[in-house]
N, C-alpha and C. Protein backbone atom coordinates (compact mmCIF):
# COMPACT_ATOMS: atom_id res chain seq x y z
N MET A 1 140.53 9.45 -87.19
CA MET A 1 141.46 10.43 -88.70
C MET A 1 140.64 12.05 -88.36
N ILE A 2 141.98 12.71 -88.42
CA ILE A 2 141.73 14.01 -88.73
C ILE A 2 140.93 14.68 -89.92
N ASN A 3 140.13 15.51 -90.24
CA ASN A 3 139.34 15.24 -91.50
C ASN A 3 139.77 17.50 -91.81
N LEU A 4 140.65 17.64 -92.65
CA LEU A 4 140.51 19.09 -93.01
C LEU A 4 139.20 19.45 -94.75
N GLN A 5 139.81 20.56 -94.77
CA GLN A 5 138.95 21.36 -96.34
C GLN A 5 139.68 21.78 -96.37
N LEU A 6 139.88 21.86 -97.73
CA LEU A 6 140.99 22.73 -98.68
C LEU A 6 140.06 23.71 -99.32
N PHE A 7 139.45 25.65 -98.70
CA PHE A 7 138.73 25.77 -100.27
C PHE A 7 139.70 26.43 -101.34
N SER A 8 139.25 26.33 -102.71
CA SER A 8 140.08 26.63 -103.35
C SER A 8 139.42 26.87 -104.83
N THR A 9 140.14 27.09 -105.84
CA THR A 9 139.08 27.59 -107.25
C THR A 9 139.84 27.31 -108.02
N ALA A 10 139.75 27.25 -109.30
CA ALA A 10 140.36 26.71 -110.24
C ALA A 10 141.15 27.81 -110.77
N GLY A 11 142.62 27.80 -111.44
CA GLY A 11 143.43 28.80 -111.97
C GLY A 11 143.79 29.66 -110.64
N CYS A 12 143.67 29.38 -109.56
CA CYS A 12 144.25 30.05 -108.52
C CYS A 12 145.88 28.87 -108.22
N HIS A 13 147.05 30.12 -108.25
CA HIS A 13 148.26 29.76 -108.15
C HIS A 13 148.95 29.10 -106.94
N LEU A 14 148.16 30.20 -105.79
CA LEU A 14 148.50 29.96 -104.52
C LEU A 14 147.12 28.42 -103.82
N CYS A 15 146.52 28.37 -104.73
CA CYS A 15 145.57 27.34 -104.20
C CYS A 15 146.75 25.67 -104.64
N GLU A 16 146.95 26.22 -106.05
CA GLU A 16 147.29 24.64 -106.36
C GLU A 16 148.78 24.44 -105.10
N LEU A 17 149.27 25.38 -104.76
CA LEU A 17 150.74 25.76 -103.91
C LEU A 17 149.94 24.80 -102.73
N ALA A 18 148.87 25.19 -102.28
CA ALA A 18 148.49 24.90 -101.10
C ALA A 18 148.00 23.26 -100.99
N ILE A 19 147.46 23.40 -102.18
CA ILE A 19 147.00 21.68 -102.26
C ILE A 19 148.12 20.76 -102.46
N GLU A 20 149.15 21.00 -102.97
CA GLU A 20 150.61 19.87 -103.10
C GLU A 20 151.08 19.94 -101.60
N GLN A 21 151.05 21.33 -100.71
CA GLN A 21 151.65 21.49 -99.37
C GLN A 21 150.39 19.88 -98.58
N VAL A 22 149.43 20.35 -98.37
CA VAL A 22 148.17 19.52 -98.16
C VAL A 22 148.44 18.34 -98.36
N ILE A 23 148.41 17.81 -99.91
CA ILE A 23 148.22 16.11 -100.27
C ILE A 23 149.47 15.49 -99.63
N THR A 24 150.54 15.70 -99.94
CA THR A 24 151.62 15.35 -98.87
C THR A 24 151.70 14.78 -97.32
N LEU A 25 151.33 16.67 -96.68
CA LEU A 25 151.20 16.07 -95.60
C LEU A 25 150.05 15.44 -95.35
N ALA A 26 148.67 14.74 -95.68
CA ALA A 26 147.64 14.16 -95.51
C ALA A 26 148.13 12.65 -95.94
N ILE A 27 149.02 12.63 -96.80
CA ILE A 27 149.42 11.27 -96.64
C ILE A 27 150.39 10.79 -95.76
N ALA A 28 151.07 11.26 -95.09
CA ALA A 28 152.41 11.16 -94.16
C ALA A 28 151.54 10.99 -93.43
N GLU A 29 150.38 11.80 -92.80
CA GLU A 29 149.83 11.64 -91.21
C GLU A 29 148.53 11.05 -91.72
N GLN A 30 148.09 10.80 -92.62
CA GLN A 30 146.97 9.71 -92.60
C GLN A 30 145.91 11.14 -92.08
N ILE A 31 145.80 11.73 -92.83
CA ILE A 31 144.91 13.44 -92.99
C ILE A 31 143.86 13.37 -94.06
N ASN A 32 142.31 13.18 -93.86
CA ASN A 32 141.32 12.86 -94.67
C ASN A 32 140.61 14.66 -95.24
N LEU A 33 141.28 14.48 -96.43
CA LEU A 33 141.35 15.91 -97.09
C LEU A 33 140.45 15.98 -97.91
N HIS A 34 139.71 17.29 -98.34
CA HIS A 34 138.54 17.47 -98.99
C HIS A 34 138.49 18.71 -99.31
N VAL A 35 138.98 18.75 -100.95
CA VAL A 35 139.22 20.14 -101.33
C VAL A 35 137.78 20.43 -101.56
N VAL A 36 137.37 21.57 -101.68
CA VAL A 36 136.13 22.40 -101.63
C VAL A 36 136.40 23.57 -103.29
N GLU A 37 135.54 23.13 -104.39
CA GLU A 37 135.56 24.40 -105.19
C GLU A 37 134.67 25.26 -104.90
N ILE A 38 135.03 26.58 -104.68
CA ILE A 38 134.00 28.02 -104.21
C ILE A 38 133.40 28.07 -105.35
N GLY A 39 133.97 27.74 -106.50
CA GLY A 39 133.39 28.85 -107.79
C GLY A 39 131.75 27.82 -108.19
N ASP A 40 131.78 26.88 -107.54
CA ASP A 40 130.29 25.96 -108.10
C ASP A 40 129.22 26.78 -106.59
N ASP A 41 129.78 27.65 -105.67
CA ASP A 41 129.24 28.43 -104.81
C ASP A 41 128.87 29.81 -104.93
N ASP A 42 127.68 30.30 -105.22
CA ASP A 42 127.98 31.90 -104.76
C ASP A 42 128.17 32.53 -103.07
N ASP A 43 128.02 31.43 -102.20
CA ASP A 43 128.01 32.00 -100.97
C ASP A 43 129.21 31.79 -100.67
N LEU A 44 130.16 30.46 -100.95
CA LEU A 44 131.28 30.11 -100.67
C LEU A 44 132.26 30.76 -101.57
N VAL A 45 132.08 31.74 -102.61
CA VAL A 45 132.73 32.54 -103.30
C VAL A 45 132.85 34.04 -102.63
N GLU A 46 131.24 33.93 -102.01
CA GLU A 46 131.73 36.26 -101.00
C GLU A 46 132.00 35.39 -99.61
N GLN A 47 132.27 34.56 -99.44
CA GLN A 47 132.88 33.86 -98.26
C GLN A 47 134.58 33.86 -98.32
N TYR A 48 135.21 33.00 -99.37
CA TYR A 48 136.36 33.06 -99.02
C TYR A 48 136.98 33.48 -100.43
N GLY A 49 136.37 34.18 -100.76
CA GLY A 49 137.00 34.48 -102.35
C GLY A 49 138.24 35.44 -102.74
N VAL A 50 138.08 36.18 -101.63
CA VAL A 50 139.61 36.90 -101.42
C VAL A 50 140.78 36.54 -100.56
N ARG A 51 140.12 35.27 -99.95
CA ARG A 51 141.27 34.55 -99.16
C ARG A 51 141.40 33.32 -99.55
N ILE A 52 140.68 32.84 -100.06
CA ILE A 52 141.71 31.31 -100.69
C ILE A 52 142.63 31.20 -101.09
N PRO A 53 144.30 30.06 -100.74
CA PRO A 53 143.27 29.26 -100.15
C PRO A 53 143.28 29.40 -98.62
N VAL A 54 141.89 28.43 -98.54
CA VAL A 54 142.13 28.48 -96.42
C VAL A 54 141.58 27.08 -96.29
N ILE A 55 142.37 26.50 -94.91
CA ILE A 55 141.75 25.10 -94.58
C ILE A 55 141.14 25.91 -93.27
N LYS A 56 140.56 24.68 -93.37
CA LYS A 56 138.80 24.93 -92.40
C LYS A 56 139.34 23.34 -91.42
N PHE A 57 139.39 23.27 -90.73
CA PHE A 57 139.80 21.98 -89.35
C PHE A 57 138.44 21.43 -88.85
N SER A 58 138.17 20.22 -88.10
CA SER A 58 137.02 19.72 -87.64
C SER A 58 136.36 20.31 -86.79
N ASP A 59 137.15 21.31 -86.26
CA ASP A 59 136.32 22.27 -84.76
C ASP A 59 135.72 23.70 -85.68
N ASN A 60 136.05 23.55 -86.93
CA ASN A 60 135.90 24.73 -87.95
C ASN A 60 136.24 25.94 -87.61
N SER A 61 137.50 26.24 -86.89
CA SER A 61 138.27 27.01 -87.24
C SER A 61 138.87 27.40 -88.32
N GLU A 62 139.73 28.30 -88.91
CA GLU A 62 140.42 28.64 -90.22
C GLU A 62 141.58 28.57 -90.49
N ILE A 63 142.35 28.33 -91.12
CA ILE A 63 143.81 29.26 -91.03
C ILE A 63 143.56 29.60 -92.61
N ASN A 64 144.10 30.81 -93.07
CA ASN A 64 144.51 31.85 -94.24
C ASN A 64 145.85 31.56 -94.79
N TRP A 65 145.91 31.51 -96.11
CA TRP A 65 146.82 31.49 -97.16
C TRP A 65 148.11 32.77 -96.65
N PRO A 66 149.18 32.76 -96.24
CA PRO A 66 150.15 31.44 -96.26
C PRO A 66 150.62 30.69 -94.94
N PHE A 67 150.23 29.47 -95.64
CA PHE A 67 150.45 28.70 -94.14
C PHE A 67 151.74 27.43 -94.83
N ASN A 68 152.00 27.19 -93.86
CA ASN A 68 153.04 25.45 -94.08
C ASN A 68 152.47 24.13 -93.73
N GLN A 69 153.41 23.61 -93.85
CA GLN A 69 152.66 22.21 -93.70
C GLN A 69 152.89 21.89 -91.52
N ASN A 70 154.24 23.18 -90.89
CA ASN A 70 154.06 23.45 -89.96
C ASN A 70 152.83 23.87 -88.77
N ASP A 71 152.69 24.50 -89.46
CA ASP A 71 151.28 25.27 -89.29
C ASP A 71 150.12 24.60 -88.93
N ILE A 72 149.96 24.12 -90.09
CA ILE A 72 149.00 23.14 -89.83
C ILE A 72 149.03 21.81 -89.14
N LEU A 73 150.02 21.47 -88.76
CA LEU A 73 150.52 19.90 -88.05
C LEU A 73 149.91 20.66 -86.59
N GLN A 74 150.72 22.03 -86.13
CA GLN A 74 150.62 22.49 -84.75
C GLN A 74 149.24 22.80 -84.68
N LYS A 75 148.45 23.14 -85.54
CA LYS A 75 146.54 23.42 -85.50
C LYS A 75 146.43 22.15 -85.00
N ILE A 76 146.95 21.05 -86.07
CA ILE A 76 146.24 19.68 -85.73
C ILE A 76 146.11 18.98 -83.97
N ALA A 77 147.67 19.28 -83.74
CA ALA A 77 148.19 19.32 -82.44
C ALA A 77 147.18 19.77 -80.89
N TRP A 78 146.81 21.02 -81.21
CA TRP A 78 146.15 22.01 -80.43
C TRP A 78 144.83 21.31 -80.79
N GLU A 79 144.25 20.73 -81.68
CA GLU A 79 142.79 20.65 -81.75
C GLU A 79 142.57 19.32 -81.19
N THR A 80 143.49 18.37 -81.24
CA THR A 80 143.71 16.69 -80.82
C THR A 80 143.66 16.59 -79.27
N THR A 81 144.61 17.84 -78.85
CA THR A 81 144.64 18.44 -77.03
C THR A 81 143.13 18.57 -76.91
N GLU A 82 142.52 19.20 -77.72
CA GLU A 82 141.29 20.05 -77.00
C GLU A 82 140.03 18.95 -76.81
N LEU A 83 140.37 17.91 -77.49
CA LEU A 83 139.05 16.77 -77.71
C LEU A 83 139.20 16.49 -76.34
């Protein structure tokens, strides 16, 4: 199973859009999604505060907003062929 982290925070309109996209994809593609609230961690706020929403993949690579489901699927396909 593919594992994704989605870095987000409360009140972020773009994060809400990203979560909707990724949840739909996660259900369809059996992806394990973990939404990370950056507001609870000062280091995460410093690292991701101006970049959220950000998706982090199992290989630690990341994609920044704007992204869509095709971007995520392409990255997953590339990641699984590299294993």
